């Protein structure tokens, strides 16, 4: 019965992969969001000058 309660190995490795992949991914997205914001503002400034 105790064995039935344990998660399958695939789940464990899936979780490991998630932590290894998702954290850098989320950090990257955060940086991208900030950059997109900067680019957007720069474009608005350039449009006003034209």
PDB file of N, CA and C in Angstrom:
ATOM      1  N   UNK A   1       0.834  -1.205   0.000  1.00  0.00           N
ATOM      2  CA  UNK A   1       0.000   0.000   0.000  1.00  0.00           C
ATOM      3  C   UNK A   1       0.880   1.271   0.000  1.00  0.00           C
ATOM      4  N   UNK A   2       1.966   1.215   0.743  1.00  0.00           N
ATOM      5  CA  UNK A   2       2.844   2.385   0.830  1.00  0.00           C
ATOM      6  C   UNK A   2       3.417   2.733  -0.543  1.00  0.00           C
ATOM      7  N   UNK A   3       3.717   1.683  -1.332  1.00  0.00           N
ATOM      8  CA  UNK A   3       4.288   1.931  -2.661  1.00  0.00           C
ATOM      9  C   UNK A   3       3.289   2.661  -3.551  1.00  0.00           C
ATOM     10  N   UNK A   4       2.018   2.346  -3.388  1.00  0.00           N
ATOM     11  CA  UNK A   4       0.985   2.988  -4.211  1.00  0.00           C
ATOM     12  C   UNK A   4       0.943   4.500  -3.955  1.00  0.00           C
ATOM     13  N   UNK A   5       1.293   4.890  -2.725  1.00  0.00           N
ATOM     14  CA  UNK A   5       1.206   6.299  -2.351  1.00  0.00           C
ATOM     15  C   UNK A   5       2.349   7.122  -2.944  1.00  0.00           C
ATOM     16  N   UNK A   6       3.459   6.466  -3.272  1.00  0.00           N
ATOM     17  CA  UNK A   6       4.608   7.192  -3.810  1.00  0.00           C
ATOM     18  C   UNK A   6       4.322   7.666  -5.231  1.00  0.00           C
ATOM     19  N   UNK A   7       4.855   8.827  -5.552  1.00  0.00           N
ATOM     20  CA  UNK A   7       4.711   9.339  -6.915  1.00  0.00           C
ATOM     21  C   UNK A   7       5.583   8.529  -7.860  1.00  0.00           C
ATOM     22  N   UNK A   8       5.164   8.348  -9.093  1.00  0.00           N
ATOM     23  CA  UNK A   8       6.007   7.647 -10.069  1.00  0.00           C
ATOM     24  C   UNK A   8       7.299   8.425 -10.311  1.00  0.00           C
ATOM     25  N   UNK A   9       8.335   7.706 -10.728  1.00  0.00           N
ATOM     26  CA  UNK A   9       9.638   8.340 -10.943  1.00  0.00           C
ATOM     27  C   UNK A   9       9.547   9.458 -11.977  1.00  0.00           C
ATOM     28  N   UNK A  10       8.710   9.258 -12.979  1.00  0.00           N
ATOM     29  CA  UNK A  10       8.549  10.264 -14.023  1.00  0.00           C
ATOM     30  C   UNK A  10       8.114  11.601 -13.452  1.00  0.00           C
ATOM     31  N   UNK A  11       7.266  11.556 -12.450  1.00  0.00           N
ATOM     32  CA  UNK A  11       6.786  12.786 -11.826  1.00  0.00           C
ATOM     33  C   UNK A  11       7.951  13.506 -11.146  1.00  0.00           C
ATOM     34  N   UNK A  12       8.781  12.729 -10.437  1.00  0.00           N
ATOM     35  CA  UNK A  12       9.930  13.306  -9.727  1.00  0.00           C
ATOM     36  C   UNK A  12      10.869  14.007 -10.699  1.00  0.00           C
ATOM     37  N   UNK A  13      11.191  13.322 -11.798  1.00  0.00           N
ATOM     38  CA  UNK A  13      12.111  13.912 -12.773  1.00  0.00           C
ATOM     39  C   UNK A  13      11.445  15.075 -13.501  1.00  0.00           C
ATOM     40  N   UNK A  14      10.138  14.972 -13.691  1.00  0.00           N
ATOM     41  CA  UNK A  14       9.403  16.065 -14.318  1.00  0.00           C
ATOM     42  C   UNK A  14       9.496  17.326 -13.474  1.00  0.00           C
ATOM     43  N   UNK A  15       9.376  17.128 -12.155  1.00  0.00           N
ATOM     44  CA  UNK A  15       9.455  18.265 -11.238  1.00  0.00           C
ATOM     45  C   UNK A  15      10.863  18.859 -11.264  1.00  0.00           C
ATOM     46  N   UNK A  16      11.878  17.986 -11.273  1.00  0.00           N
ATOM     47  CA  UNK A  16      13.275  18.443 -11.332  1.00  0.00           C
ATOM     48  C   UNK A  16      13.486  19.263 -12.603  1.00  0.00           C
ATOM     49  N   UNK A  17      13.001  18.735 -13.714  1.00  0.00           N
ATOM     50  CA  UNK A  17      13.163  19.416 -15.000  1.00  0.00           C
ATOM     51  C   UNK A  17      12.445  20.763 -14.968  1.00  0.00           C
ATOM     52  N   UNK A  18      11.261  20.787 -14.335  1.00  0.00           N
ATOM     53  CA  UNK A  18      10.481  22.021 -14.240  1.00  0.00           C
ATOM     54  C   UNK A  18      11.276  23.093 -13.506  1.00  0.00           C
ATOM     55  N   UNK A  19      11.888  22.704 -12.373  1.00  0.00           N
ATOM     56  CA  UNK A  19      12.652  23.681 -11.596  1.00  0.00           C
ATOM     57  C   UNK A  19      13.904  24.122 -12.350  1.00  0.00           C
ATOM     58  N   UNK A  20      14.508  23.188 -13.071  1.00  0.00           N
ATOM     59  CA  UNK A  20      15.731  23.507 -13.810  1.00  0.00           C
ATOM     60  C   UNK A  20      15.432  24.416 -14.996  1.00  0.00           C
ATOM     61  N   UNK A  21      14.250  24.235 -15.601  1.00  0.00           N
ATOM     62  CA  UNK A  21      13.917  24.953 -16.828  1.00  0.00           C
ATOM     63  C   UNK A  21      13.077  26.199 -16.564  1.00  0.00           C
ATOM     64  N   UNK A  22      12.104  26.082 -15.678  1.00  0.00           N
ATOM     65  CA  UNK A  22      11.116  27.148 -15.506  1.00  0.00           C
ATOM     66  C   UNK A  22      11.703  28.389 -14.838  1.00  0.00           C
ATOM     67  N   UNK A  23      12.559  28.191 -13.852  1.00  0.00           N
ATOM     68  CA  UNK A  23      13.095  29.356 -13.144  1.00  0.00           C
ATOM     69  C   UNK A  23      13.887  30.274 -14.056  1.00  0.00           C
ATOM     70  N   UNK A  24      14.870  29.746 -14.808  1.00  0.00           N
ATOM     71  CA  UNK A  24      15.586  30.621 -15.745  1.00  0.00           C
ATOM     72  C   UNK A  24      14.641  31.216 -16.779  1.00  0.00           C
ATOM     73  N   UNK A  25      13.653  30.425 -17.189  1.00  0.00           N
ATOM     74  CA  UNK A  25      12.685  30.874 -18.192  1.00  0.00           C
ATOM     75  C   UNK A  25      11.902  32.068 -17.648  1.00  0.00           C
ATOM     76  N   UNK A  26      11.426  31.958 -16.415  1.00  0.00           N
ATOM     77  CA  UNK A  26      10.648  33.036 -15.817  1.00  0.00           C
ATOM     78  C   UNK A  26      11.505  34.282 -15.626  1.00  0.00           C
ATOM     79  N   UNK A  27      12.757  34.080 -15.215  1.00  0.00           N
ATOM     80  CA  UNK A  27      13.661  35.219 -15.050  1.00  0.00           C
ATOM     81  C   UNK A  27      13.899  35.899 -16.391  1.00  0.00           C
ATOM     82  N   UNK A  28      14.054  35.079 -17.434  1.00  0.00           N
ATOM     83  CA  UNK A  28      14.269  35.602 -18.781  1.00  0.00           C
ATOM     84  C   UNK A  28      13.064  36.421 -19.229  1.00  0.00           C
ATOM     85  N   UNK A  29      11.864  35.896 -18.970  1.00  0.00           N
ATOM     86  CA  UNK A  29      10.642  36.604 -19.357  1.00  0.00           C
ATOM     87  C   UNK A  29      10.540  37.936 -18.619  1.00  0.00           C
ATOM     88  N   UNK A  30      10.935  37.924 -17.349  1.00  0.00           N
ATOM     89  CA  UNK A  30      10.892  39.152 -16.555  1.00  0.00           C
ATOM     90  C   UNK A  30      11.804  40.212 -17.169  1.00  0.00           C
ATOM     91  N   UNK A  31      13.010  39.796 -17.538  1.00  0.00           N
ATOM     92  CA  UNK A  31      13.968  40.710 -18.168  1.00  0.00           C
ATOM     93  C   UNK A  31      13.421  41.197 -19.503  1.00  0.00           C
ATOM     94  N   UNK A  32      12.829  40.279 -20.269  1.00  0.00           N
ATOM     95  CA  UNK A  32      12.266  40.634 -21.574  1.00  0.00           C
ATOM     96  C   UNK A  32      11.161  41.667 -21.407  1.00  0.00           C
ATOM     97  N   UNK A  33      10.308  41.482 -20.403  1.00  0.00           N
ATOM     98  CA  UNK A  33       9.220  42.425 -20.164  1.00  0.00           C
ATOM     99  C   UNK A  33       9.771  43.823 -19.924  1.00  0.00           C
ATOM    100  N   UNK A  34      10.824  43.918 -19.124  1.00  0.00           N
ATOM    101  CA  UNK A  34      11.426  45.220 -18.840  1.00  0.00           C
ATOM    102  C   UNK A  34      11.999  45.825 -20.113  1.00  0.00           C
ATOM    103  N   UNK A  35      12.652  44.985 -20.925  1.00  0.00           N
ATOM    104  CA  UNK A  35      13.243  45.466 -22.171  1.00  0.00           C
ATOM    105  C   UNK A  35      12.165  45.927 -23.142  1.00  0.00           C
ATOM    106  N   UNK A  36      11.083  45.157 -23.231  1.00  0.00           N
ATOM    107  CA  UNK A  36       9.979  45.521 -24.125  1.00  0.00           C
ATOM    108  C   UNK A  36       9.425  46.877 -23.707  1.00  0.00           C
ATOM    109  N   UNK A  37       9.306  47.085 -22.405  1.00  0.00           N
ATOM    110  CA  UNK A  37       8.808  48.354 -21.887  1.00  0.00           C
ATOM    111  C   UNK A  37       9.728  49.496 -22.322  1.00  0.00           C
ATOM    112  N   UNK A  38      11.035  49.277 -22.217  1.00  0.00           N
ATOM    113  CA  UNK A  38      12.005  50.310 -22.621  1.00  0.00           C
ATOM    114  C   UNK A  38      11.899  50.594 -24.110  1.00  0.00           C
ATOM    115  N   UNK A  39      11.817  49.528 -24.903  1.00  0.00           N
ATOM    116  CA  UNK A  39      11.728  49.680 -26.361  1.00  0.00           C
ATOM    117  C   UNK A  39      10.452  50.425 -26.720  1.00  0.00           C
ATOM    118  N   UNK A  40       9.356  50.066 -26.062  1.00  0.00           N
ATOM    119  CA  UNK A  40       8.068  50.711 -26.325  1.00  0.00           C
ATOM    120  C   UNK A  40       8.153  52.210 -26.037  1.00  0.00           C
ATOM    121  N   UNK A  41       8.737  52.552 -24.904  1.00  0.00           N
ATOM    122  CA  UNK A  41       8.875  53.975 -24.542  1.00  0.00           C
ATOM    123  C   UNK A  41       9.760  54.707 -25.538  1.00  0.00           C
ATOM    124  N   UNK A  42      10.855  54.070 -25.925  1.00  0.00           N
ATOM    125  CA  UNK A  42      11.777  54.674 -26.891  1.00  0.00           C
ATOM    126  C   UNK A  42      11.059  54.929 -28.208  1.00  0.00           C
ATOM    127  N   UNK A  43      10.253  53.965 -28.638  1.00  0.00           N
ATOM    128  CA  UNK A  43       9.505  54.113 -29.894  1.00  0.00           C
ATOM    129  C   UNK A  43       8.528  55.278 -29.793  1.00  0.00           C
ATOM    130  N   UNK A  44       7.874  55.405 -28.652  1.00  0.00           N
ATOM    131  CA  UNK A  44       6.922  56.509 -28.473  1.00  0.00           C
ATOM    132  C   UNK A  44       7.648  57.846 -28.568  1.00  0.00           C
ATOM    133  N   UNK A  45       8.810  57.931 -27.948  1.00  0.00           N
ATOM    134  CA  UNK A  45       9.599  59.169 -27.989  1.00  0.00           C
ATOM    135  C   UNK A  45      10.005  59.470 -29.425  1.00  0.00           C
ATOM    136  N   UNK A  46      10.440  58.435 -30.146  1.00  0.00           N
ATOM    137  CA  UNK A  46      10.859  58.624 -31.538  1.00  0.00           C
ATOM    138  C   UNK A  46       9.680  59.064 -32.397  1.00  0.00           C
ATOM    139  N   UNK A  47       8.508  58.498 -32.156  1.00  0.00           N
ATOM    140  CA  UNK A  47       7.317  58.867 -32.929  1.00  0.00           C
ATOM    141  C   UNK A  47       6.966  60.333 -32.695  1.00  0.00           C
ATOM    142  N   UNK A  48       7.137  60.793 -31.450  1.00  0.00           N
ATOM    143  CA  UNK A  48       6.821  62.182 -31.133  1.00  0.00           C
ATOM    144  C   UNK A  48       7.777  63.130 -31.847  1.00  0.00           C
ATOM    145  N   UNK A  49       9.018  62.703 -32.039  1.00  0.00           N
ATOM    146  CA  UNK A  49      10.013  63.553 -32.695  1.00  0.00           C
ATOM    147  C   UNK A  49       9.758  63.652 -34.188  1.00  0.00           C
ATOM    148  N   UNK A  50       9.278  62.574 -34.783  1.00  0.00           N
ATOM    149  CA  UNK A  50       9.070  62.545 -36.238  1.00  0.00           C
ATOM    150  C   UNK A  50       7.964  63.510 -36.626  1.00  0.00           C
TER     151      UNK A  50
END
